[in-house]
Amino acid sequence: AAADEAERARALVYQGDDLFTEKRYGEALQAYEEADHLMRVPTTGVEVAKTLAALGRLSEARETARAVEQMPVVADEPLPF
């Protein structure tokens, strides 16, 4: 189940990346938020914050970035986290 969620989140991030590149920020935000809901890891949180900023939702972007910054470091977590 956890592996399925991780794979789903990864697919959503790739989808979000494509949408962000196309400047389809609202749709990218939906994909990133769904991935973040599944995984709650720094990498997905950063994408949510970046997309909120692109949409001009700066206070929400700042709050999201702060929440990511405050995530505890976990032993043996992957380098990107």
PDB file of N, CA and C in Angstrom:
ATOM      1  N   ALA A   1       0.825  -1.203   0.000  1.00  0.00           N
ATOM      2  CA  ALA A   1       0.000   0.000   0.000  1.00  0.00           C
ATOM      3  C   ALA A   1       0.861   1.257   0.000  1.00  0.00           C
ATOM      4  N   ALA A   2       1.884   1.274   0.855  1.00  0.00           N
ATOM      5  CA  ALA A   2       2.773   2.441   0.921  1.00  0.00           C
ATOM      6  C   ALA A   2       3.516   2.615  -0.401  1.00  0.00           C
ATOM      7  N   ALA A   3       3.925   1.507  -1.002  1.00  0.00           N
ATOM      8  CA  ALA A   3       4.621   1.582  -2.291  1.00  0.00           C
ATOM      9  C   ALA A   3       3.682   2.110  -3.373  1.00  0.00           C
ATOM     10  N   ASP A   4       2.419   1.695  -3.326  1.00  0.00           N
ATOM     11  CA  ASP A   4       1.434   2.187  -4.299  1.00  0.00           C
ATOM     12  C   ASP A   4       1.226   3.689  -4.145  1.00  0.00           C
ATOM     13  N   GLU A   5       1.148   4.159  -2.887  1.00  0.00           N
ATOM     14  CA  GLU A   5       0.971   5.590  -2.646  1.00  0.00           C
ATOM     15  C   GLU A   5       2.185   6.371  -3.118  1.00  0.00           C
ATOM     16  N   ALA A   6       3.369   5.833  -2.879  1.00  0.00           N
ATOM     17  CA  ALA A   6       4.593   6.503  -3.319  1.00  0.00           C
ATOM     18  C   ALA A   6       4.641   6.591  -4.842  1.00  0.00           C
ATOM     19  N   GLU A   7       4.256   5.537  -5.513  1.00  0.00           N
ATOM     20  CA  GLU A   7       4.246   5.532  -6.972  1.00  0.00           C
ATOM     21  C   GLU A   7       3.212   6.521  -7.505  1.00  0.00           C
ATOM     22  N   ARG A   8       2.049   6.557  -6.888  1.00  0.00           N
ATOM     23  CA  ARG A   8       0.995   7.508  -7.278  1.00  0.00           C
ATOM     24  C   ARG A   8       1.477   8.941  -7.073  1.00  0.00           C
ATOM     25  N   ALA A   9       2.123   9.198  -5.929  1.00  0.00           N
ATOM     26  CA  ALA A   9       2.641  10.534  -5.648  1.00  0.00           C
ATOM     27  C   ALA A   9       3.704  10.926  -6.669  1.00  0.00           C
ATOM     28  N   ARG A  10       4.571   9.998  -7.004  1.00  0.00           N
ATOM     29  CA  ARG A  10       5.619  10.273  -7.994  1.00  0.00           C
ATOM     30  C   ARG A  10       4.985  10.649  -9.336  1.00  0.00           C
ATOM     31  N   ALA A  11       3.980   9.910  -9.750  1.00  0.00           N
ATOM     32  CA  ALA A  11       3.289  10.211 -11.011  1.00  0.00           C
ATOM     33  C   ALA A  11       2.633  11.587 -10.956  1.00  0.00           C
ATOM     34  N   LEU A  12       2.056  11.929  -9.817  1.00  0.00           N
ATOM     35  CA  LEU A  12       1.427  13.239  -9.668  1.00  0.00           C
ATOM     36  C   LEU A  12       2.456  14.364  -9.744  1.00  0.00           C
ATOM     37  N   VAL A  13       3.627  14.151  -9.153  1.00  0.00           N
ATOM     38  CA  VAL A  13       4.675  15.168  -9.217  1.00  0.00           C
ATOM     39  C   VAL A  13       5.129  15.356 -10.662  1.00  0.00           C
ATOM     40  N   TYR A  14       5.331  14.266 -11.395  1.00  0.00           N
ATOM     41  CA  TYR A  14       5.715  14.387 -12.801  1.00  0.00           C
ATOM     42  C   TYR A  14       4.634  15.127 -13.595  1.00  0.00           C
ATOM     43  N   GLN A  15       3.378  14.814 -13.310  1.00  0.00           N
ATOM     44  CA  GLN A  15       2.265  15.502 -13.968  1.00  0.00           C
ATOM     45  C   GLN A  15       2.300  16.991 -13.612  1.00  0.00           C
ATOM     46  N   GLY A  16       2.498  17.283 -12.324  1.00  0.00           N
ATOM     47  CA  GLY A  16       2.587  18.669 -11.884  1.00  0.00           C
ATOM     48  C   GLY A  16       3.729  19.406 -12.556  1.00  0.00           C
ATOM     49  N   ASP A  17       4.874  18.724 -12.696  1.00  0.00           N
ATOM     50  CA  ASP A  17       6.026  19.341 -13.364  1.00  0.00           C
ATOM     51  C   ASP A  17       5.681  19.732 -14.802  1.00  0.00           C
ATOM     52  N   ASP A  18       5.025  18.825 -15.516  1.00  0.00           N
ATOM     53  CA  ASP A  18       4.636  19.117 -16.899  1.00  0.00           C
ATOM     54  C   ASP A  18       3.671  20.295 -16.952  1.00  0.00           C
ATOM     55  N   LEU A  19       2.686  20.294 -16.078  1.00  0.00           N
ATOM     56  CA  LEU A  19       1.701  21.374 -16.048  1.00  0.00           C
ATOM     57  C   LEU A  19       2.352  22.702 -15.677  1.00  0.00           C
ATOM     58  N   PHE A  20       3.275  22.678 -14.713  1.00  0.00           N
ATOM     59  CA  PHE A  20       3.966  23.895 -14.299  1.00  0.00           C
ATOM     60  C   PHE A  20       4.758  24.466 -15.472  1.00  0.00           C
ATOM     61  N   THR A  21       5.447  23.602 -16.200  1.00  0.00           N
ATOM     62  CA  THR A  21       6.223  24.029 -17.363  1.00  0.00           C
ATOM     63  C   THR A  21       5.331  24.695 -18.408  1.00  0.00           C
ATOM     64  N   GLU A  22       4.101  24.190 -18.505  1.00  0.00           N
ATOM     65  CA  GLU A  22       3.130  24.755 -19.449  1.00  0.00           C
ATOM     66  C   GLU A  22       2.410  25.981 -18.872  1.00  0.00           C
ATOM     67  N   LYS A  23       2.842  26.405 -17.672  1.00  0.00           N
ATOM     68  CA  LYS A  23       2.240  27.549 -16.972  1.00  0.00           C
ATOM     69  C   LYS A  23       0.768  27.319 -16.626  1.00  0.00           C
ATOM     70  N   ARG A  24       0.387  26.066 -16.480  1.00  0.00           N
ATOM     71  CA  ARG A  24      -0.969  25.703 -16.064  1.00  0.00           C
ATOM     72  C   ARG A  24      -0.927  25.498 -14.548  1.00  0.00           C
ATOM     73  N   TYR A  25      -0.698  26.621 -13.847  1.00  0.00           N
ATOM     74  CA  TYR A  25      -0.389  26.585 -12.426  1.00  0.00           C
ATOM     75  C   TYR A  25      -1.505  26.037 -11.551  1.00  0.00           C
ATOM     76  N   GLY A  26      -2.747  26.346 -11.874  1.00  0.00           N
ATOM     77  CA  GLY A  26      -3.865  25.837 -11.076  1.00  0.00           C
ATOM     78  C   GLY A  26      -3.922  24.319 -11.105  1.00  0.00           C
ATOM     79  N   GLU A  27      -3.758  23.756 -12.288  1.00  0.00           N
ATOM     80  CA  GLU A  27      -3.774  22.299 -12.421  1.00  0.00           C
ATOM     81  C   GLU A  27      -2.529  21.673 -11.797  1.00  0.00           C
ATOM     82  N   ALA A  28      -1.393  22.350 -11.945  1.00  0.00           N
ATOM     83  CA  ALA A  28      -0.158  21.858 -11.328  1.00  0.00           C
ATOM     84  C   ALA A  28      -0.314  21.823  -9.814  1.00  0.00           C
ATOM     85  N   LEU A  29      -0.917  22.873  -9.264  1.00  0.00           N
ATOM     86  CA  LEU A  29      -1.125  22.923  -7.820  1.00  0.00           C
ATOM     87  C   LEU A  29      -1.969  21.743  -7.351  1.00  0.00           C
ATOM     88  N   GLN A  30      -3.013  21.413  -8.086  1.00  0.00           N
ATOM     89  CA  GLN A  30      -3.850  20.271  -7.706  1.00  0.00           C
ATOM     90  C   GLN A  30      -3.039  18.980  -7.667  1.00  0.00           C
ATOM     91  N   ALA A  31      -2.211  18.768  -8.673  1.00  0.00           N
ATOM     92  CA  ALA A  31      -1.396  17.552  -8.725  1.00  0.00           C
ATOM     93  C   ALA A  31      -0.399  17.531  -7.569  1.00  0.00           C
ATOM     94  N   TYR A  32       0.291  18.648  -7.344  1.00  0.00           N
ATOM     95  CA  TYR A  32       1.276  18.708  -6.257  1.00  0.00           C
ATOM     96  C   TYR A  32       0.615  18.547  -4.886  1.00  0.00           C
ATOM     97  N   GLU A  33      -0.540  19.181  -4.703  1.00  0.00           N
ATOM     98  CA  GLU A  33      -1.226  19.056  -3.410  1.00  0.00           C
ATOM     99  C   GLU A  33      -1.661  17.619  -3.150  1.00  0.00           C
ATOM    100  N   GLU A  34      -2.130  16.939  -4.179  1.00  0.00           N
ATOM    101  CA  GLU A  34      -2.529  15.543  -4.006  1.00  0.00           C
ATOM    102  C   GLU A  34      -1.313  14.681  -3.660  1.00  0.00           C
ATOM    103  N   ALA A  35      -0.199  14.926  -4.331  1.00  0.00           N
ATOM    104  CA  ALA A  35       1.036  14.190  -4.019  1.00  0.00           C
ATOM    105  C   ALA A  35       1.483  14.492  -2.594  1.00  0.00           C
ATOM    106  N   ASP A  36       1.384  15.751  -2.200  1.00  0.00           N
ATOM    107  CA  ASP A  36       1.795  16.140  -0.845  1.00  0.00           C
ATOM    108  C   ASP A  36       0.887  15.507   0.202  1.00  0.00           C
ATOM    109  N   HIS A  37      -0.391  15.421  -0.108  1.00  0.00           N
ATOM    110  CA  HIS A  37      -1.338  14.782   0.815  1.00  0.00           C
ATOM    111  C   HIS A  37      -0.975  13.303   1.009  1.00  0.00           C
ATOM    112  N   LEU A  38      -0.546  12.654  -0.054  1.00  0.00           N
ATOM    113  CA  LEU A  38      -0.171  11.240   0.022  1.00  0.00           C
ATOM    114  C   LEU A  38       1.125  11.033   0.801  1.00  0.00           C
ATOM    115  N   MET A  39       2.122  11.894   0.561  1.00  0.00           N
ATOM    116  CA  MET A  39       3.465  11.618   1.070  1.00  0.00           C
ATOM    117  C   MET A  39       3.908  12.498   2.239  1.00  0.00           C
ATOM    118  N   ARG A  40       3.481  13.744   2.269  1.00  0.00           N
ATOM    119  CA  ARG A  40       3.909  14.682   3.317  1.00  0.00           C
ATOM    120  C   ARG A  40       5.429  14.677   3.485  1.00  0.00           C
ATOM    121  N   VAL A  41       6.138  14.935   2.392  1.00  0.00           N
ATOM    122  CA  VAL A  41       7.591  15.007   2.409  1.00  0.00           C
ATOM    123  C   VAL A  41       8.025  16.388   1.919  1.00  0.00           C
ATOM    124  N   PRO A  42       9.252  16.788   2.245  1.00  0.00           N
ATOM    125  CA  PRO A  42       9.693  18.133   1.856  1.00  0.00           C
ATOM    126  C   PRO A  42       9.616  18.402   0.354  1.00  0.00           C
ATOM    127  N   THR A  43       9.942  17.414  -0.448  1.00  0.00           N
ATOM    128  CA  THR A  43       9.975  17.662  -1.897  1.00  0.00           C
ATOM    129  C   THR A  43       8.602  18.020  -2.452  1.00  0.00           C
ATOM    130  N   THR A  44       7.553  17.376  -1.966  1.00  0.00           N
ATOM    131  CA  THR A  44       6.221  17.728  -2.465  1.00  0.00           C
ATOM    132  C   THR A  44       5.767  19.066  -1.889  1.00  0.00           C
ATOM    133  N   GLY A  45       6.116  19.323  -0.649  1.00  0.00           N
ATOM    134  CA  GLY A  45       5.760  20.602  -0.028  1.00  0.00           C
ATOM    135  C   GLY A  45       6.397  21.783  -0.741  1.00  0.00           C
ATOM    136  N   VAL A  46       7.643  21.625  -1.167  1.00  0.00           N
ATOM    137  CA  VAL A  46       8.336  22.689  -1.895  1.00  0.00           C
ATOM    138  C   VAL A  46       7.624  22.977  -3.213  1.00  0.00           C
ATOM    139  N   GLU A  47       7.181  21.936  -3.895  1.00  0.00           N
ATOM    140  CA  GLU A  47       6.469  22.136  -5.161  1.00  0.00           C
ATOM    141  C   GLU A  47       5.154  22.876  -4.938  1.00  0.00           C
ATOM    142  N   VAL A  48       4.450  22.554  -3.862  1.00  0.00           N
ATOM    143  CA  VAL A  48       3.214  23.274  -3.540  1.00  0.00           C
ATOM    144  C   VAL A  48       3.530  24.747  -3.303  1.00  0.00           C
ATOM    145  N   ALA A  49       4.551  25.026  -2.502  1.00  0.00           N
ATOM    146  CA  ALA A  49       4.917  26.414  -2.195  1.00  0.00           C
ATOM    147  C   ALA A  49       5.305  27.175  -3.458  1.00  0.00           C
ATOM    148  N   LYS A  50       6.120  26.546  -4.304  1.00  0.00           N
ATOM    149  CA  LYS A  50       6.574  27.181  -5.551  1.00  0.00           C
ATOM    150  C   LYS A  50       5.379  27.523  -6.444  1.00  0.00           C
ATOM    151  N   THR A  51       4.417  26.629  -6.513  1.00  0.00           N
ATOM    152  CA  THR A  51       3.267  26.841  -7.390  1.00  0.00           C
ATOM    153  C   THR A  51       2.328  27.895  -6.811  1.00  0.00           C
ATOM    154  N   LEU A  52       2.161  27.887  -5.495  1.00  0.00           N
ATOM    155  CA  LEU A  52       1.365  28.948  -4.874  1.00  0.00           C
ATOM    156  C   LEU A  52       1.984  30.314  -5.174  1.00  0.00           C
ATOM    157  N   ALA A  53       3.305  30.408  -5.111  1.00  0.00           N
ATOM    158  CA  ALA A  53       3.983  31.674  -5.419  1.00  0.00           C
ATOM    159  C   ALA A  53       3.740  32.070  -6.874  1.00  0.00           C
ATOM    160  N   ALA A  54       3.804  31.092  -7.782  1.00  0.00           N
ATOM    161  CA  ALA A  54       3.568  31.378  -9.200  1.00  0.00           C
ATOM    162  C   ALA A  54       2.152  31.893  -9.434  1.00  0.00           C
ATOM    163  N   LEU A  55       1.224  31.458  -8.591  1.00  0.00           N
ATOM    164  CA  LEU A  55      -0.168  31.910  -8.695  1.00  0.00           C
ATOM    165  C   LEU A  55      -0.386  33.250  -7.992  1.00  0.00           C
ATOM    166  N   GLY A  56       0.665  33.779  -7.363  1.00  0.00           N
ATOM    167  CA  GLY A  56       0.543  35.047  -6.660  1.00  0.00           C
ATOM    168  C   GLY A  56      -0.029  34.909  -5.259  1.00  0.00           C
ATOM    169  N   ARG A  57      -0.149  33.695  -4.786  1.00  0.00           N
ATOM    170  CA  ARG A  57      -0.694  33.433  -3.444  1.00  0.00           C
ATOM    171  C   ARG A  57       0.481  33.368  -2.464  1.00  0.00           C
ATOM    172  N   LEU A  58       1.112  34.543  -2.282  1.00  0.00           N
ATOM    173  CA  LEU A  58       2.389  34.610  -1.597  1.00  0.00           C
ATOM    174  C   LEU A  58       2.329  34.272  -0.114  1.00  0.00           C
ATOM    175  N   SER A  59       1.282  34.700   0.581  1.00  0.00           N
ATOM    176  CA  SER A  59       1.226  34.373   2.013  1.00  0.00           C
ATOM    177  C   SER A  59       1.059  32.875   2.209  1.00  0.00           C
ATOM    178  N   GLU A  60       0.255  32.223   1.378  1.00  0.00           N
ATOM    179  CA  GLU A  60       0.106  30.767   1.463  1.00  0.00           C
ATOM    180  C   GLU A  60       1.411  30.065   1.099  1.00  0.00           C
ATOM    181  N   ALA A  61       2.101  30.591   0.094  1.00  0.00           N
ATOM    182  CA  ALA A  61       3.389  30.018  -0.312  1.00  0.00           C
ATOM    183  C   ALA A  61       4.384  30.107   0.837  1.00  0.00           C
ATOM    184  N   ARG A  62       4.427  31.258   1.500  1.00  0.00           N
ATOM    185  CA  ARG A  62       5.341  31.456   2.624  1.00  0.00           C
ATOM    186  C   ARG A  62       5.011  30.506   3.775  1.00  0.00           C
ATOM    187  N   GLU A  63       3.736  30.363   4.094  1.00  0.00           N
ATOM    188  CA  GLU A  63       3.322  29.442   5.165  1.00  0.00           C
ATOM    189  C   GLU A  63       3.699  28.001   4.827  1.00  0.00           C
ATOM    190  N   THR A  64       3.487  27.614   3.598  1.00  0.00           N
ATOM    191  CA  THR A  64       3.825  26.254   3.170  1.00  0.00           C
ATOM    192  C   THR A  64       5.328  26.028   3.249  1.00  0.00           C
ATOM    193  N   ALA A  65       6.099  27.021   2.787  1.00  0.00           N
ATOM    194  CA  ALA A  65       7.559  26.905   2.840  1.00  0.00           C
ATOM    195  C   ALA A  65       8.038  26.803   4.286  1.00  0.00           C
ATOM    196  N   ARG A  66       7.441  27.570   5.177  1.00  0.00           N
ATOM    197  CA  ARG A  66       7.813  27.485   6.606  1.00  0.00           C
ATOM    198  C   ARG A  66       7.504  26.101   7.164  1.00  0.00           C
ATOM    199  N   ALA A  67       6.355  25.555   6.796  1.00  0.00           N
ATOM    200  CA  ALA A  67       5.987  24.218   7.286  1.00  0.00           C
ATOM    201  C   ALA A  67       6.988  23.175   6.802  1.00  0.00           C
ATOM    202  N   VAL A  68       7.435  23.306   5.563  1.00  0.00           N
ATOM    203  CA  VAL A  68       8.437  22.379   5.024  1.00  0.00           C
ATOM    204  C   VAL A  68       9.741  22.534   5.798  1.00  0.00           C
ATOM    205  N   GLU A  69      10.123  23.769   6.038  1.00  0.00           N
ATOM    206  CA  GLU A  69      11.369  24.052   6.746  1.00  0.00           C
ATOM    207  C   GLU A  69      11.366  23.460   8.159  1.00  0.00           C
ATOM    208  N   GLN A  70      10.201  23.382   8.761  1.00  0.00           N
ATOM    209  CA  GLN A  70      10.092  22.888  10.128  1.00  0.00           C
ATOM    210  C   GLN A  70       9.929  21.373  10.220  1.00  0.00           C
ATOM    211  N   MET A  71       9.860  20.694   9.081  1.00  0.00           N
ATOM    212  CA  MET A  71       9.747  19.237   9.112  1.00  0.00           C
ATOM    213  C   MET A  71      10.999  18.656   9.756  1.00  0.00           C
ATOM    214  N   PRO A  72      10.833  17.717  10.661  1.00  0.00           N
ATOM    215  CA  PRO A  72      12.005  17.138  11.315  1.00  0.00           C
ATOM    216  C   PRO A  72      12.822  16.304  10.338  1.00  0.00           C
ATOM    217  N   VAL A  73      14.121  16.309  10.545  1.00  0.00           N
ATOM    218  CA  VAL A  73      15.004  15.443   9.765  1.00  0.00           C
ATOM    219  C   VAL A  73      14.854  14.034  10.296  1.00  0.00           C
ATOM    220  N   VAL A  74      14.693  13.081   9.396  1.00  0.00           N
ATOM    221  CA  VAL A  74      14.505  11.686   9.763  1.00  0.00           C
ATOM    222  C   VAL A  74      15.755  10.908   9.352  1.00  0.00           C
ATOM    223  N   ALA A  75      16.237  10.063  10.262  1.00  0.00           N
ATOM    224  CA  ALA A  75      17.416   9.262   9.952  1.00  0.00           C
ATOM    225  C   ALA A  75      17.162   8.402   8.726  1.00  0.00           C
ATOM    226  N   ASP A  76      18.175   8.269   7.896  1.00  0.00           N
ATOM    227  CA  ASP A  76      18.132   7.417   6.696  1.00  0.00           C
ATOM    228  C   ASP A  76      17.122   7.871   5.650  1.00  0.00           C
ATOM    229  N   GLU A  77      16.705   9.148   5.701  1.00  0.00           N
ATOM    230  CA  GLU A  77      15.787   9.610   4.662  1.00  0.00           C
ATOM    231  C   GLU A  77      16.577   9.842   3.380  1.00  0.00           C
ATOM    232  N   PRO A  78      15.900   9.794   2.243  1.00  0.00           N
ATOM    233  CA  PRO A  78      16.591  10.003   0.968  1.00  0.00           C
ATOM    234  C   PRO A  78      17.210  11.401   0.908  1.00  0.00           C
ATOM    235  N   LEU A  79      18.313  11.541   0.214  1.00  0.00           N
ATOM    236  CA  LEU A  79      19.027  12.808   0.100  1.00  0.00           C
ATOM    237  C   LEU A  79      18.150  13.971  -0.346  1.00  0.00           C
ATOM    238  N   PRO A  80      17.223  13.794  -1.327  1.00  0.00           N
ATOM    239  CA  PRO A  80      16.410  14.947  -1.756  1.00  0.00           C
ATOM    240  C   PRO A  80      15.542  15.526  -0.638  1.00  0.00           C
ATOM    241  N   PHE A  81      15.230  14.748   0.391  1.00  0.00           N
ATOM    242  CA  PHE A  81      14.390  15.250   1.477  1.00  0.00           C
ATOM    243  C   PHE A  81      15.194  16.182   2.357  1.00  0.00           C
TER     244      PHE A  81
END
